[in-house]
Amino acid sequence: MPEISRFYGIIIKMIFNDNDKHHKPHVHVYYGEYEASVSLDGEVLEGKLPVKQYRILVGWMAIHEDELYEAWNKAVRSIPFEKIEPLQ
């Protein structure tokens, strides 16, 4: 599962060919013992995250929306994608 970004202890990954279970474009997010699948529009599809980290994630996703959709379109076709800049 390739890592797309990492910041403030939040790890964001995108899986190749991962459109069977969740049909919406999404990322897998890890923070400590928390795990969640979050659609690129910010909907939590499965799992949970602390509120603060969820808000940070959604803000980052809004800033990088075009890059995330580009990575998703590549990932579902098993094409490698670029990492996205973390928050500074």
Protein backbone atom coordinates (compact mmCIF):
# COMPACT_ATOMS: atom_id res chain seq x y z
CA MET A 1 0.00 0.00 0.00
CA PRO A 2 1.95 3.05 -1.20
CA GLU A 3 2.21 6.00 1.15
CA ILE A 4 1.05 9.24 -0.46
CA SER A 5 1.88 11.62 2.41
CA ARG A 6 2.75 11.86 6.10
CA PHE A 7 2.45 14.78 8.52
CA TYR A 8 1.70 15.43 12.21
CA GLY A 9 1.68 11.68 12.88
CA ILE A 10 -0.99 11.13 10.20
CA ILE A 11 -0.06 8.59 7.52
CA ILE A 12 -2.04 8.61 4.27
CA LYS A 13 -1.91 5.68 1.87
CA MET A 14 -3.61 4.79 -1.39
CA ILE A 15 -3.98 1.21 -2.58
CA PHE A 16 -3.68 0.09 -6.20
CA ASN A 17 -6.92 -1.35 -7.67
CA ASP A 18 -8.84 -0.45 -4.49
CA ASN A 19 -12.27 0.37 -5.88
CA ASP A 20 -14.18 -2.85 -5.06
CA LYS A 21 -15.14 -2.34 -1.40
CA HIS A 22 -15.47 1.45 -1.42
CA HIS A 23 -16.56 2.61 -4.85
CA LYS A 24 -15.72 6.24 -4.10
CA PRO A 25 -12.19 7.57 -4.56
CA HIS A 26 -10.60 7.39 -1.11
CA VAL A 27 -7.45 7.14 0.98
CA HIS A 28 -6.53 5.00 3.96
CA VAL A 29 -5.53 7.07 6.96
CA TYR A 30 -3.59 5.95 10.03
CA TYR A 31 -2.99 7.87 13.24
CA GLY A 32 -1.66 5.90 16.21
CA GLU A 33 -4.17 3.11 16.88
CA TYR A 34 -6.80 4.78 14.65
CA GLU A 35 -7.51 3.75 11.07
CA ALA A 36 -10.06 5.04 8.60
CA SER A 37 -10.97 4.99 4.94
CA VAL A 38 -11.88 8.54 3.94
CA SER A 39 -13.32 9.51 0.56
CA LEU A 40 -11.64 12.35 -1.27
CA ASP A 41 -14.70 14.51 -0.50
CA GLY A 42 -14.08 13.98 3.25
CA GLU A 43 -16.69 11.30 4.07
CA VAL A 44 -15.48 8.65 6.53
CA LEU A 45 -16.32 5.39 4.78
CA GLU A 46 -15.02 3.07 7.47
CA GLY A 47 -13.17 3.34 10.78
CA LYS A 48 -12.56 6.50 12.78
CA LEU A 49 -10.05 9.24 13.54
CA PRO A 50 -9.79 11.76 16.37
CA VAL A 51 -11.67 14.96 15.50
CA LYS A 52 -8.54 17.14 15.42
CA GLN A 53 -6.69 14.83 13.03
CA TYR A 54 -9.79 14.43 10.86
CA ARG A 55 -10.03 18.22 10.49
CA ILE A 56 -6.34 18.47 9.61
CA LEU A 57 -6.78 15.68 7.05
CA VAL A 58 -9.82 17.29 5.42
CA GLY A 59 -8.01 20.62 5.16
CA TRP A 60 -5.00 18.95 3.54
CA MET A 61 -7.28 17.04 1.16
CA ALA A 62 -8.99 20.28 0.08
CA ILE A 63 -5.62 21.88 -0.68
CA HIS A 64 -4.45 18.83 -2.67
CA GLU A 65 -7.76 17.78 -4.25
CA ASP A 66 -6.49 17.78 -7.86
CA GLU A 67 -3.35 15.82 -6.94
CA LEU A 68 -5.39 13.27 -4.97
CA TYR A 69 -7.79 12.63 -7.86
CA GLU A 70 -4.85 12.30 -10.24
CA ALA A 71 -3.22 9.77 -7.89
CA TRP A 72 -6.53 7.88 -7.53
CA ASN A 73 -6.97 7.66 -11.31
CA LYS A 74 -3.48 6.24 -11.60
CA ALA A 75 -3.86 3.87 -8.63
CA VAL A 76 -7.02 2.20 -9.95
CA ARG A 77 -5.09 1.46 -13.16
CA SER A 78 -2.04 0.18 -11.18
CA ILE A 79 0.11 3.09 -12.37
CA PRO A 80 2.57 4.48 -9.80
CA PHE A 81 1.71 7.95 -8.49
CA GLU A 82 3.75 10.73 -6.92
CA LYS A 83 3.85 11.55 -3.20
CA ILE A 84 2.05 14.72 -2.20
CA GLU A 85 3.69 17.41 -0.10
CA PRO A 86 2.91 17.21 3.62
CA LEU A 87 1.67 20.14 5.68
CA GLN A 88 4.49 22.36 6.89
